[in-house]
Amino acid sequence: MNTPVRHLPLLAALLLAAVAFGCGQKEIVCPAGGQLRLSVAFEWDKAPGARVEGMTLYFFPEDDGGKIWRFDIAGSEGGAVDIPAGNYRMIAVNNDLPGVTFSGAGTFATFSANAVPAGGDSLLIPTGTLYSAVVDHIAFTPCGVTYSKPDGCSKECPAGLVRCSPDTASVVYNVYIRSVDGLERLKSAVASINGVASSLTLCDDATGSGSGAIVLRLAAASGFPLAGSTSGFDTANAPVTLTLTVVRTDGKAFTKKFNISRHALNHGTAHHVDIYIDEMDIPDYSDSPGDDGDDVDMSVIVDGWNVIEIDL
């Protein structure tokens, strides 16, 4: 009855081999040139109702000599990509916005979104709604993946699945005028917001130093005689002004400019900024604009901008 004893060394060797190649082994390295299948799922809990045509994934290596990988994924649910095992930091952005370009993709820290210039005078094309997500410290091996969630907790998935929650990286700017006297004399009206950042870094949503202006047309909407909406990045580290321009039915234009404090705009936290103007008077036909188009008789009541309301 000593047969089992003779097989103990062989059994022990097999067990040791199984442990060495098990998923608990952190030093497993994918063979050179090999690709592994990684799945990425987008969860829209931070941006409910978001509609995107596609997302682009950028994987920035944390390993020396690693390559940057870029993948386009159709739709909003996610998909699978083939990528070598390694350690990465990932940035995901929607790729369906003609008003946004990307630059600085050579490093994780410099990868930026940029508003497209609309022409002279620092005008910017509205960005549309930009969504972005960052997944940090992705460790991908043949046995699965671990990664850090935004709250700092570590997530592990043997099936090789990364879940990320894109959030809004741009701002919707709304202007509402509650009362307009002389509306019958109005041909058109626009508002421009100057001091909006022209870029932001995607790893931390920090706005760049450059700024420009975004323009929104005003028309009757949502129960207001005049209202308008546009989109852009958050305000930059620069003075922020709102300029109202109205064109009377006789073709004469009037403008009024106001300074808006960055404190009132709640810089860095708002996804929506609503600016309410209580009253505006369209100048009578007997009034003419000055040489620069600015007319002091164009009355606008905003209560010192205390009526600015921020929708977070």
C-alpha atoms as a PDB file:
ATOM      1  CA  MET A   1       0.000   0.000   0.000  1.00  0.00           C
ATOM      2  CA  ASN A   2       2.877   2.368  -0.627  1.00  0.00           C
ATOM      3  CA  THR A   3       1.871   3.319  -4.175  1.00  0.00           C
ATOM      4  CA  PRO A   4       0.414   6.737  -3.169  1.00  0.00           C
ATOM      5  CA  VAL A   5       3.662   7.592  -1.438  1.00  0.00           C
ATOM      6  CA  ARG A   6       5.638   7.070  -4.637  1.00  0.00           C
ATOM      7  CA  HIS A   7       3.345   9.538  -6.477  1.00  0.00           C
ATOM      8  CA  LEU A   8       3.480  12.333  -3.889  1.00  0.00           C
ATOM      9  CA  PRO A   9       6.500  14.140  -5.461  1.00  0.00           C
ATOM     10  CA  LEU A  10       4.763  14.199  -8.858  1.00  0.00           C
ATOM     11  CA  LEU A  11       1.522  15.476  -7.330  1.00  0.00           C
ATOM     12  CA  ALA A  12       3.383  18.216  -5.457  1.00  0.00           C
ATOM     13  CA  ALA A  13       5.137  19.303  -8.654  1.00  0.00           C
ATOM     14  CA  LEU A  14       1.814  19.585 -10.505  1.00  0.00           C
ATOM     15  CA  LEU A  15       0.309  21.681  -7.707  1.00  0.00           C
ATOM     16  CA  LEU A  16       3.270  24.024  -7.703  1.00  0.00           C
ATOM     17  CA  ALA A  17       2.975  24.458 -11.470  1.00  0.00           C
ATOM     18  CA  ALA A  18      -0.718  25.295 -11.152  1.00  0.00           C
ATOM     19  CA  VAL A  19      -0.006  27.955  -8.540  1.00  0.00           C
ATOM     20  CA  ALA A  20       2.797  29.475 -10.597  1.00  0.00           C
ATOM     21  CA  PHE A  21       0.516  29.988 -13.585  1.00  0.00           C
ATOM     22  CA  GLY A  22      -2.624  30.936 -11.654  1.00  0.00           C
ATOM     23  CA  CYS A  23      -4.311  34.385 -11.793  1.00  0.00           C
ATOM     24  CA  GLY A  24      -2.825  35.311  -8.459  1.00  0.00           C
ATOM     25  CA  GLN A  25       0.584  35.602 -10.087  1.00  0.00           C
ATOM     26  CA  LYS A  26       1.284  39.309 -10.686  1.00  0.00           C
ATOM     27  CA  GLU A  27       4.443  38.873 -12.761  1.00  0.00           C
ATOM     28  CA  ILE A  28       2.796  37.214 -15.763  1.00  0.00           C
ATOM     29  CA  VAL A  29       3.952  38.934 -18.959  1.00  0.00           C
ATOM     30  CA  CYS A  30       2.214  38.677 -22.306  1.00  0.00           C
ATOM     31  CA  PRO A  31       4.506  37.252 -25.000  1.00  0.00           C
ATOM     32  CA  ALA A  32       6.139  39.912 -27.168  1.00  0.00           C
ATOM     33  CA  GLY A  33       3.742  41.210 -29.802  1.00  0.00           C
ATOM     34  CA  GLY A  34       0.767  39.387 -28.296  1.00  0.00           C
ATOM     35  CA  GLN A  35      -2.636  41.038 -28.060  1.00  0.00           C
ATOM     36  CA  LEU A  36      -5.282  40.457 -25.400  1.00  0.00           C
ATOM     37  CA  ARG A  37      -9.006  41.228 -25.516  1.00  0.00           C
ATOM     38  CA  LEU A  38     -10.123  44.007 -23.142  1.00  0.00           C
ATOM     39  CA  SER A  39     -13.767  45.025 -22.878  1.00  0.00           C
ATOM     40  CA  VAL A  40     -14.859  48.546 -21.920  1.00  0.00           C
ATOM     41  CA  ALA A  41     -18.419  49.324 -20.780  1.00  0.00           C
ATOM     42  CA  PHE A  42     -19.767  52.884 -20.578  1.00  0.00           C
ATOM     43  CA  GLU A  43     -22.143  53.602 -17.715  1.00  0.00           C
ATOM     44  CA  TRP A  44     -24.014  56.908 -17.977  1.00  0.00           C
ATOM     45  CA  ASP A  45     -25.047  57.402 -14.355  1.00  0.00           C
ATOM     46  CA  LYS A  46     -23.217  60.758 -14.258  1.00  0.00           C
ATOM     47  CA  ALA A  47     -24.796  61.956 -17.525  1.00  0.00           C
ATOM     48  CA  PRO A  48     -28.266  60.371 -17.770  1.00  0.00           C
ATOM     49  CA  GLY A  49     -29.925  60.854 -21.118  1.00  0.00           C
ATOM     50  CA  ALA A  50     -26.639  61.362 -22.950  1.00  0.00           C
ATOM     51  CA  ARG A  51     -26.716  60.449 -26.628  1.00  0.00           C
ATOM     52  CA  VAL A  52     -23.434  59.901 -28.412  1.00  0.00           C
ATOM     53  CA  GLU A  53     -22.692  58.363 -31.781  1.00  0.00           C
ATOM     54  CA  GLY A  54     -19.363  56.968 -30.670  1.00  0.00           C
ATOM     55  CA  MET A  55     -16.512  57.123 -28.186  1.00  0.00           C
ATOM     56  CA  THR A  56     -12.740  57.145 -28.636  1.00  0.00           C
ATOM     57  CA  LEU A  57     -10.434  55.435 -26.144  1.00  0.00           C
ATOM     58  CA  TYR A  58      -6.843  56.480 -25.529  1.00  0.00           C
ATOM     59  CA  PHE A  59      -4.588  54.157 -23.529  1.00  0.00           C
ATOM     60  CA  PHE A  60      -1.468  55.882 -22.201  1.00  0.00           C
ATOM     61  CA  PRO A  61       1.256  53.481 -20.999  1.00  0.00           C
ATOM     62  CA  GLU A  62       2.644  53.646 -17.491  1.00  0.00           C
ATOM     63  CA  ASP A  63       5.422  51.213 -18.455  1.00  0.00           C
ATOM     64  CA  ASP A  64       8.691  52.514 -19.888  1.00  0.00           C
ATOM     65  CA  GLY A  65       8.785  52.109 -23.647  1.00  0.00           C
ATOM     66  CA  GLY A  66       5.063  51.413 -23.919  1.00  0.00           C
ATOM     67  CA  LYS A  67       2.988  52.638 -26.840  1.00  0.00           C
ATOM     68  CA  ILE A  68      -0.123  54.833 -26.861  1.00  0.00           C
ATOM     69  CA  TRP A  69      -3.161  53.007 -28.191  1.00  0.00           C
ATOM     70  CA  ARG A  70      -6.272  54.619 -29.717  1.00  0.00           C
ATOM     71  CA  PHE A  71      -9.577  52.908 -30.507  1.00  0.00           C
ATOM     72  CA  ASP A  72     -12.894  54.170 -31.905  1.00  0.00           C
ATOM     73  CA  ILE A  73     -16.021  52.468 -30.575  1.00  0.00           C
ATOM     74  CA  ALA A  74     -19.418  52.998 -32.194  1.00  0.00           C
ATOM     75  CA  GLY A  75     -22.439  53.772 -30.049  1.00  0.00           C
ATOM     76  CA  SER A  76     -22.702  54.506 -26.343  1.00  0.00           C
ATOM     77  CA  GLU A  77     -22.597  51.069 -24.717  1.00  0.00           C
ATOM     78  CA  GLY A  78     -18.949  50.123 -25.159  1.00  0.00           C
ATOM     79  CA  GLY A  79     -17.002  47.412 -26.911  1.00  0.00           C
ATOM     80  CA  ALA A  80     -13.893  45.262 -26.994  1.00  0.00           C
ATOM     81  CA  VAL A  81     -10.360  46.201 -28.030  1.00  0.00           C
ATOM     82  CA  ASP A  82      -7.193  44.172 -28.537  1.00  0.00           C
ATOM     83  CA  ILE A  83      -4.238  45.569 -26.622  1.00  0.00           C
ATOM     84  CA  PRO A  84      -0.976  44.180 -25.191  1.00  0.00           C
ATOM     85  CA  ALA A  85      -0.822  43.338 -21.512  1.00  0.00           C
ATOM     86  CA  GLY A  86       0.598  46.155 -19.436  1.00  0.00           C
ATOM     87  CA  ASN A  87      -0.188  49.122 -17.223  1.00  0.00           C
ATOM     88  CA  TYR A  88      -2.204  52.001 -18.653  1.00  0.00           C
ATOM     89  CA  ARG A  89      -4.165  55.157 -17.929  1.00  0.00           C
ATOM     90  CA  MET A  90      -7.246  55.560 -20.114  1.00  0.00           C
ATOM     91  CA  ILE A  91      -9.156  58.605 -21.325  1.00  0.00           C
ATOM     92  CA  ALA A  92     -12.486  58.207 -23.146  1.00  0.00           C
ATOM     93  CA  VAL A  93     -14.220  61.013 -25.096  1.00  0.00           C
ATOM     94  CA  ASN A  94     -17.140  61.172 -27.495  1.00  0.00           C
ATOM     95  CA  ASN A  95     -16.038  61.620 -31.085  1.00  0.00           C
ATOM     96  CA  ASP A  96     -19.163  63.117 -32.669  1.00  0.00           C
ATOM     97  CA  LEU A  97     -18.557  66.860 -32.131  1.00  0.00           C
ATOM     98  CA  PRO A  98     -17.531  69.008 -35.135  1.00  0.00           C
ATOM     99  CA  GLY A  99     -16.895  71.911 -32.748  1.00  0.00           C
ATOM    100  CA  VAL A 100     -14.101  70.104 -30.862  1.00  0.00           C
ATOM    101  CA  THR A 101     -10.607  69.023 -31.892  1.00  0.00           C
ATOM    102  CA  PHE A 102      -7.992  67.202 -29.832  1.00  0.00           C
ATOM    103  CA  SER A 103      -4.305  67.845 -29.307  1.00  0.00           C
ATOM    104  CA  GLY A 104      -1.434  66.900 -27.029  1.00  0.00           C
ATOM    105  CA  ALA A 105      -2.161  63.178 -27.324  1.00  0.00           C
ATOM    106  CA  GLY A 106       1.512  62.378 -26.787  1.00  0.00           C
ATOM    107  CA  THR A 107       1.056  62.211 -23.003  1.00  0.00           C
ATOM    108  CA  PHE A 108      -1.722  61.616 -20.523  1.00  0.00           C
ATOM    109  CA  ALA A 109      -1.194  64.999 -18.821  1.00  0.00           C
ATOM    110  CA  THR A 110      -1.240  67.099 -22.017  1.00  0.00           C
ATOM    111  CA  PHE A 111      -4.116  65.480 -23.913  1.00  0.00           C
ATOM    112  CA  SER A 112      -6.566  68.342 -24.507  1.00  0.00           C
ATOM    113  CA  ALA A 113      -9.893  69.207 -26.120  1.00  0.00           C
ATOM    114  CA  ASN A 114     -10.017  72.455 -28.114  1.00  0.00           C
ATOM    115  CA  ALA A 115     -12.912  74.607 -29.295  1.00  0.00           C
ATOM    116  CA  VAL A 116     -12.807  75.247 -33.044  1.00  0.00           C
ATOM    117  CA  PRO A 117     -12.246  78.931 -33.990  1.00  0.00           C
ATOM    118  CA  ALA A 118     -15.138  80.508 -35.877  1.00  0.00           C
ATOM    119  CA  GLY A 119     -13.163  83.321 -37.457  1.00  0.00           C
ATOM    120  CA  GLY A 120     -11.847  86.659 -36.301  1.00  0.00           C
ATOM    121  CA  ASP A 121     -12.316  88.415 -32.973  1.00  0.00           C
ATOM    122  CA  SER A 122     -11.611  85.199 -31.027  1.00  0.00           C
ATOM    123  CA  LEU A 123     -15.022  83.736 -31.827  1.00  0.00           C
ATOM    124  CA  LEU A 124     -15.436  80.042 -31.079  1.00  0.00           C
ATOM    125  CA  ILE A 125     -17.799  77.494 -32.589  1.00  0.00           C
ATOM    126  CA  PRO A 126     -20.120  76.044 -29.927  1.00  0.00           C
ATOM    127  CA  THR A 127     -18.572  72.817 -28.723  1.00  0.00           C
ATOM    128  CA  GLY A 128     -21.698  70.761 -28.238  1.00  0.00           C
ATOM    129  CA  THR A 129     -21.788  68.467 -25.226  1.00  0.00           C
ATOM    130  CA  LEU A 130     -18.421  66.848 -24.593  1.00  0.00           C
ATOM    131  CA  TYR A 131     -18.320  63.766 -22.389  1.00  0.00           C
ATOM    132  CA  SER A 132     -15.131  62.361 -20.932  1.00  0.00           C
ATOM    133  CA  ALA A 133     -13.994  59.686 -18.496  1.00  0.00           C
ATOM    134  CA  VAL A 134     -10.653  58.801 -16.927  1.00  0.00           C
ATOM    135  CA  VAL A 135      -9.736  55.324 -15.704  1.00  0.00           C
ATOM    136  CA  ASP A 136      -6.468  55.255 -13.795  1.00  0.00           C
ATOM    137  CA  HIS A 137      -3.874  52.584 -13.117  1.00  0.00           C
ATOM    138  CA  ILE A 138      -5.197  49.839 -15.378  1.00  0.00           C
ATOM    139  CA  ALA A 139      -3.143  46.663 -14.874  1.00  0.00           C
ATOM    140  CA  PHE A 140      -3.999  44.234 -17.684  1.00  0.00           C
ATOM    141  CA  THR A 141      -2.735  40.615 -17.741  1.00  0.00           C
ATOM    142  CA  PRO A 142      -3.926  37.364 -19.350  1.00  0.00           C
ATOM    143  CA  CYS A 143      -5.703  36.670 -16.050  1.00  0.00           C
ATOM    144  CA  GLY A 144      -7.859  39.800 -16.050  1.00  0.00           C
ATOM    145  CA  VAL A 145      -7.672  43.458 -15.189  1.00  0.00           C
ATOM    146  CA  THR A 146      -7.488  45.706 -12.132  1.00  0.00           C
ATOM    147  CA  TYR A 147      -8.023  49.466 -12.187  1.00  0.00           C
ATOM    148  CA  SER A 148      -8.712  52.449  -9.939  1.00  0.00           C
ATOM    149  CA  LYS A 149     -12.160  54.012  -9.741  1.00  0.00           C
ATOM    150  CA  PRO A 150     -12.625  57.802  -9.353  1.00  0.00           C
ATOM    151  CA  ASP A 151     -13.215  57.379  -5.614  1.00  0.00           C
ATOM    152  CA  GLY A 152      -9.791  55.751  -5.275  1.00  0.00           C
ATOM    153  CA  CYS A 153     -11.079  52.221  -4.752  1.00  0.00           C
ATOM    154  CA  SER A 154      -9.517  49.393  -6.711  1.00  0.00           C
ATOM    155  CA  LYS A 155     -11.666  47.226  -8.972  1.00  0.00           C
ATOM    156  CA  GLU A 156     -10.682  43.747 -10.180  1.00  0.00           C
ATOM    157  CA  CYS A 157     -12.290  41.755 -12.970  1.00  0.00           C
ATOM    158  CA  PRO A 158     -10.952  38.351 -14.078  1.00  0.00           C
ATOM    159  CA  ALA A 159     -13.030  38.621 -17.265  1.00  0.00           C
ATOM    160  CA  GLY A 160     -11.022  41.624 -18.474  1.00  0.00           C
ATOM    161  CA  LEU A 161     -13.835  44.204 -18.215  1.00  0.00           C
ATOM    162  CA  VAL A 162     -13.365  47.892 -17.393  1.00  0.00           C
ATOM    163  CA  ARG A 163     -16.409  49.979 -16.473  1.00  0.00           C
ATOM    164  CA  CYS A 164     -16.240  53.762 -16.764  1.00  0.00           C
ATOM    165  CA  SER A 165     -18.743  56.586 -16.262  1.00  0.00           C
ATOM    166  CA  PRO A 166     -18.368  59.489 -18.700  1.00  0.00           C
ATOM    167  CA  ASP A 167     -19.311  62.876 -17.278  1.00  0.00           C
ATOM    168  CA  THR A 168     -20.082  66.203 -18.930  1.00  0.00           C
ATOM    169  CA  ALA A 169     -16.890  68.151 -19.623  1.00  0.00           C
ATOM    170  CA  SER A 170     -18.516  71.150 -21.312  1.00  0.00           C
ATOM    171  CA  VAL A 171     -20.967  73.802 -20.134  1.00  0.00           C
ATOM    172  CA  VAL A 172     -24.391  74.811 -21.462  1.00  0.00           C
ATOM    173  CA  TYR A 173     -24.878  78.581 -21.300  1.00  0.00           C
ATOM    174  CA  ASN A 174     -28.465  79.894 -21.290  1.00  0.00           C
ATOM    175  CA  VAL A 175     -29.590  83.528 -21.441  1.00  0.00           C
ATOM    176  CA  TYR A 176     -33.193  84.408 -20.550  1.00  0.00           C
ATOM    177  CA  ILE A 177     -34.765  87.879 -20.829  1.00  0.00           C
ATOM    178  CA  ARG A 178     -37.958  88.048 -18.799  1.00  0.00           C
ATOM    179  CA  SER A 179     -39.452  91.275 -20.220  1.00  0.00           C
ATOM    180  CA  VAL A 180     -38.816  93.258 -23.417  1.00  0.00           C
ATOM    181  CA  ASP A 181     -40.326  96.703 -24.025  1.00  0.00           C
ATOM    182  CA  GLY A 182     -40.596  97.626 -27.697  1.00  0.00           C
ATOM    183  CA  LEU A 183     -40.457  94.061 -28.971  1.00  0.00           C
ATOM    184  CA  GLU A 184     -42.312  95.164 -32.106  1.00  0.00           C
ATOM    185  CA  ARG A 185     -39.247  97.237 -33.033  1.00  0.00           C
ATOM    186  CA  LEU A 186     -36.896  94.269 -32.784  1.00  0.00           C
ATOM    187  CA  LYS A 187     -35.579  92.562 -35.914  1.00  0.00           C
ATOM    188  CA  SER A 188     -32.964  90.307 -34.302  1.00  0.00           C
ATOM    189  CA  ALA A 189     -30.976  89.882 -31.105  1.00  0.00           C
ATOM    190  CA  VAL A 190     -27.841  88.008 -30.125  1.00  0.00           C
ATOM    191  CA  ALA A 191     -25.779  87.627 -26.986  1.00  0.00           C
ATOM    192  CA  SER A 192     -22.088  86.805 -26.753  1.00  0.00           C
ATOM    193  CA  ILE A 193     -20.180  85.524 -23.744  1.00  0.00           C
ATOM    194  CA  ASN A 194     -16.504  86.469 -23.790  1.00  0.00           C
ATOM    195  CA  GLY A 195     -13.990  84.808 -21.495  1.00  0.00           C
ATOM    196  CA  VAL A 196     -14.922  81.211 -22.214  1.00  0.00           C
ATOM    197  CA  ALA A 197     -11.924  78.882 -22.251  1.00  0.00           C
ATOM    198  CA  SER A 198     -10.801  77.693 -25.659  1.00  0.00           C
ATOM    199  CA  SER A 199      -9.356  74.409 -24.347  1.00  0.00           C
ATOM    200  CA  LEU A 200      -9.212  72.050 -21.388  1.00  0.00           C
ATOM    201  CA  THR A 201      -7.010  69.137 -20.401  1.00  0.00           C
ATOM    202  CA  LEU A 202      -8.997  65.933 -20.258  1.00  0.00           C
ATOM    203  CA  CYS A 203      -7.164  64.226 -17.400  1.00  0.00           C
ATOM    204  CA  ASP A 204      -8.434  66.822 -14.901  1.00  0.00           C
ATOM    205  CA  ASP A 205     -10.879  69.097 -16.816  1.00  0.00           C
ATOM    206  CA  ALA A 206      -8.617  72.101 -16.128  1.00  0.00           C
ATOM    207  CA  THR A 207      -9.230  74.997 -18.516  1.00  0.00           C
ATOM    208  CA  GLY A 208      -6.373  76.400 -20.563  1.00  0.00           C
ATOM    209  CA  SER A 209      -5.139  79.984 -20.478  1.00  0.00           C
ATOM    210  CA  GLY A 210      -6.627  80.917 -23.852  1.00  0.00           C
ATOM    211  CA  SER A 211     -10.159  82.247 -24.125  1.00  0.00           C
ATOM    212  CA  GLY A 212     -12.670  83.400 -26.685  1.00  0.00           C
ATOM    213  CA  ALA A 213     -16.319  84.274 -27.214  1.00  0.00           C
ATOM    214  CA  ILE A 214     -19.354  82.142 -27.982  1.00  0.00           C
ATOM    215  CA  VAL A 215     -22.470  83.634 -29.576  1.00  0.00           C
ATOM    216  CA  LEU A 216     -26.101  82.645 -29.084  1.00  0.00           C
ATOM    217  CA  ARG A 217     -29.122  83.908 -30.976  1.00  0.00           C
ATOM    218  CA  LEU A 218     -32.058  85.159 -28.925  1.00  0.00           C
ATOM    219  CA  ALA A 219     -35.671  84.401 -29.861  1.00  0.00           C
ATOM    220  CA  ALA A 220     -38.982  83.714 -28.162  1.00  0.00           C
ATOM    221  CA  ALA A 221     -38.692  80.392 -26.330  1.00  0.00           C
ATOM    222  CA  SER A 222     -39.732  78.586 -23.144  1.00  0.00           C
ATOM    223  CA  GLY A 223     -42.230  81.296 -22.201  1.00  0.00           C
ATOM    224  CA  PHE A 224     -39.650  84.093 -22.463  1.00  0.00           C
ATOM    225  CA  PRO A 225     -39.845  86.886 -25.076  1.00  0.00           C
ATOM    226  CA  LEU A 226     -36.142  86.364 -25.735  1.00  0.00           C
ATOM    227  CA  ALA A 227     -33.963  83.390 -24.831  1.00  0.00           C
ATOM    228  CA  GLY A 228     -31.017  81.518 -26.247  1.00  0.00           C
ATOM    229  CA  SER A 229     -28.641  78.666 -25.514  1.00  0.00           C
ATOM    230  CA  THR A 230     -25.151  77.632 -26.562  1.00  0.00           C
ATOM    231  CA  SER A 231     -22.317  75.449 -25.355  1.00  0.00           C
ATOM    232  CA  GLY A 232     -18.623  75.778 -24.652  1.00  0.00           C
ATOM    233  CA  PHE A 233     -15.991  75.042 -22.065  1.00  0.00           C
ATOM    234  CA  ASP A 234     -15.934  76.568 -18.606  1.00  0.00           C
ATOM    235  CA  THR A 235     -14.807  80.153 -18.129  1.00  0.00           C
ATOM    236  CA  ALA A 236     -11.069  80.748 -18.311  1.00  0.00           C
ATOM    237  CA  ASN A 237      -8.828  82.694 -15.967  1.00  0.00           C
ATOM    238  CA  ALA A 238      -9.871  85.939 -17.654  1.00  0.00           C
ATOM    239  CA  PRO A 239     -12.544  88.656 -17.305  1.00  0.00           C
ATOM    240  CA  VAL A 240     -15.971  87.395 -18.345  1.00  0.00           C
ATOM    241  CA  THR A 241     -18.357  89.720 -20.154  1.00  0.00           C
ATOM    242  CA  LEU A 242     -21.820  89.414 -21.670  1.00  0.00           C
ATOM    243  CA  THR A 243     -22.637  91.557 -24.703  1.00  0.00           C
ATOM    244  CA  LEU A 244     -26.198  92.035 -25.936  1.00  0.00           C
ATOM    245  CA  THR A 245     -26.672  93.203 -29.524  1.00  0.00           C
ATOM    246  CA  VAL A 246     -30.095  94.095 -30.926  1.00  0.00           C
ATOM    247  CA  VAL A 247     -30.954  95.133 -34.474  1.00  0.00           C
ATOM    248  CA  ARG A 248     -33.987  97.323 -34.876  1.00  0.00           C
ATOM    249  CA  THR A 249     -36.416  96.853 -37.776  1.00  0.00           C
ATOM    250  CA  ASP A 250     -34.877  99.926 -39.452  1.00  0.00           C
ATOM    251  CA  GLY A 251     -31.511  98.127 -39.520  1.00  0.00           C
ATOM    252  CA  LYS A 252     -29.810 100.117 -36.757  1.00  0.00           C
ATOM    253  CA  ALA A 253     -27.893  98.082 -34.163  1.00  0.00           C
ATOM    254  CA  PHE A 254     -27.401  98.700 -30.457  1.00  0.00           C
ATOM    255  CA  THR A 255     -25.072  96.940 -28.051  1.00  0.00           C
ATOM    256  CA  LYS A 256     -24.661  96.753 -24.308  1.00  0.00           C
ATOM    257  CA  LYS A 257     -21.756  95.104 -22.502  1.00  0.00           C
ATOM    258  CA  PHE A 258     -21.657  93.851 -18.911  1.00  0.00           C
ATOM    259  CA  ASN A 259     -18.949  92.428 -16.720  1.00  0.00           C
ATOM    260  CA  ILE A 260     -19.825  89.109 -15.099  1.00  0.00           C
ATOM    261  CA  SER A 261     -17.831  88.000 -12.095  1.00  0.00           C
ATOM    262  CA  ARG A 262     -16.276  84.543 -12.342  1.00  0.00           C
ATOM    263  CA  HIS A 263     -17.487  84.002  -8.788  1.00  0.00           C
ATOM    264  CA  ALA A 264     -21.088  84.436  -9.929  1.00  0.00           C
ATOM    265  CA  LEU A 265     -20.502  81.918 -12.721  1.00  0.00           C
ATOM    266  CA  ASN A 266     -19.359  79.379 -10.120  1.00  0.00           C
ATOM    267  CA  HIS A 267     -16.219  78.589 -12.094  1.00  0.00           C
ATOM    268  CA  GLY A 268     -15.227  74.960 -12.325  1.00  0.00           C
ATOM    269  CA  THR A 269     -18.385  73.349 -10.969  1.00  0.00           C
ATOM    270  CA  ALA A 270     -21.336  74.178 -13.208  1.00  0.00           C
ATOM    271  CA  HIS A 271     -22.515  72.113 -16.158  1.00  0.00           C
ATOM    272  CA  HIS A 272     -25.256  74.657 -16.813  1.00  0.00           C
ATOM    273  CA  VAL A 273     -25.101  78.422 -16.374  1.00  0.00           C
ATOM    274  CA  ASP A 274     -28.420  80.297 -16.556  1.00  0.00           C
ATOM    275  CA  ILE A 275     -28.292  84.101 -16.866  1.00  0.00           C
ATOM    276  CA  TYR A 276     -31.610  85.846 -16.263  1.00  0.00           C
ATOM    277  CA  ILE A 277     -32.143  89.456 -17.343  1.00  0.00           C
ATOM    278  CA  ASP A 278     -35.191  91.106 -15.840  1.00  0.00           C
ATOM    279  CA  GLU A 279     -35.990  93.857 -18.357  1.00  0.00           C
ATOM    280  CA  MET A 280     -34.719  95.195 -21.663  1.00  0.00           C
ATOM    281  CA  ASP A 281     -35.975  98.209 -23.617  1.00  0.00           C
ATOM    282  CA  ILE A 282     -35.551  98.348 -27.391  1.00  0.00           C
ATOM    283  CA  PRO A 283     -34.649 101.988 -28.251  1.00  0.00           C
ATOM    284  CA  ASP A 284     -37.313 104.065 -29.941  1.00  0.00           C
ATOM    285  CA  TYR A 285     -36.915 104.991 -33.605  1.00  0.00           C
ATOM    286  CA  SER A 286     -35.987 108.518 -32.550  1.00  0.00           C
ATOM    287  CA  ASP A 287     -32.831 107.148 -30.889  1.00  0.00           C
ATOM    288  CA  SER A 288     -29.710 106.449 -32.907  1.00  0.00           C
ATOM    289  CA  PRO A 289     -26.689 104.405 -31.889  1.00  0.00           C
ATOM    290  CA  GLY A 290     -23.335 106.060 -31.289  1.00  0.00           C
ATOM    291  CA  ASP A 291     -20.352 105.685 -33.564  1.00  0.00           C
ATOM    292  CA  ASP A 292     -19.313 102.473 -31.839  1.00  0.00           C
ATOM    293  CA  GLY A 293     -22.844 101.052 -31.805  1.00  0.00           C
ATOM    294  CA  ASP A 294     -23.173 101.469 -28.043  1.00  0.00           C
ATOM    295  CA  ASP A 295     -26.240 103.397 -26.923  1.00  0.00           C
ATOM    296  CA  VAL A 296     -26.680 104.464 -23.327  1.00  0.00           C
ATOM    297  CA  ASP A 297     -30.454 104.728 -23.779  1.00  0.00           C
ATOM    298  CA  MET A 298     -30.767 100.989 -24.288  1.00  0.00           C
ATOM    299  CA  SER A 299     -32.016 100.095 -20.834  1.00  0.00           C
ATOM    300  CA  VAL A 300     -31.242  96.680 -19.366  1.00  0.00           C
ATOM    301  CA  ILE A 301     -32.107  95.813 -15.759  1.00  0.00           C
ATOM    302  CA  VAL A 302     -30.208  92.930 -14.226  1.00  0.00           C
ATOM    303  CA  ASP A 303     -30.130  93.920 -10.538  1.00  0.00           C
ATOM    304  CA  GLY A 304     -26.349  94.065 -10.480  1.00  0.00           C
ATOM    305  CA  TRP A 305     -26.245  90.501 -11.854  1.00  0.00           C
ATOM    306  CA  ASN A 306     -27.512  89.164  -8.549  1.00  0.00           C
ATOM    307  CA  VAL A 307     -30.157  87.357 -10.582  1.00  0.00           C
ATOM    308  CA  ILE A 308     -27.603  85.059 -12.186  1.00  0.00           C
ATOM    309  CA  GLU A 309     -28.736  81.567 -11.314  1.00  0.00           C
ATOM    310  CA  ILE A 310     -26.465  78.549 -11.468  1.00  0.00           C
ATOM    311  CA  ASP A 311     -27.837  75.097 -12.263  1.00  0.00           C
ATOM    312  CA  LEU A 312     -25.301  72.482 -11.149  1.00  0.00           C
END
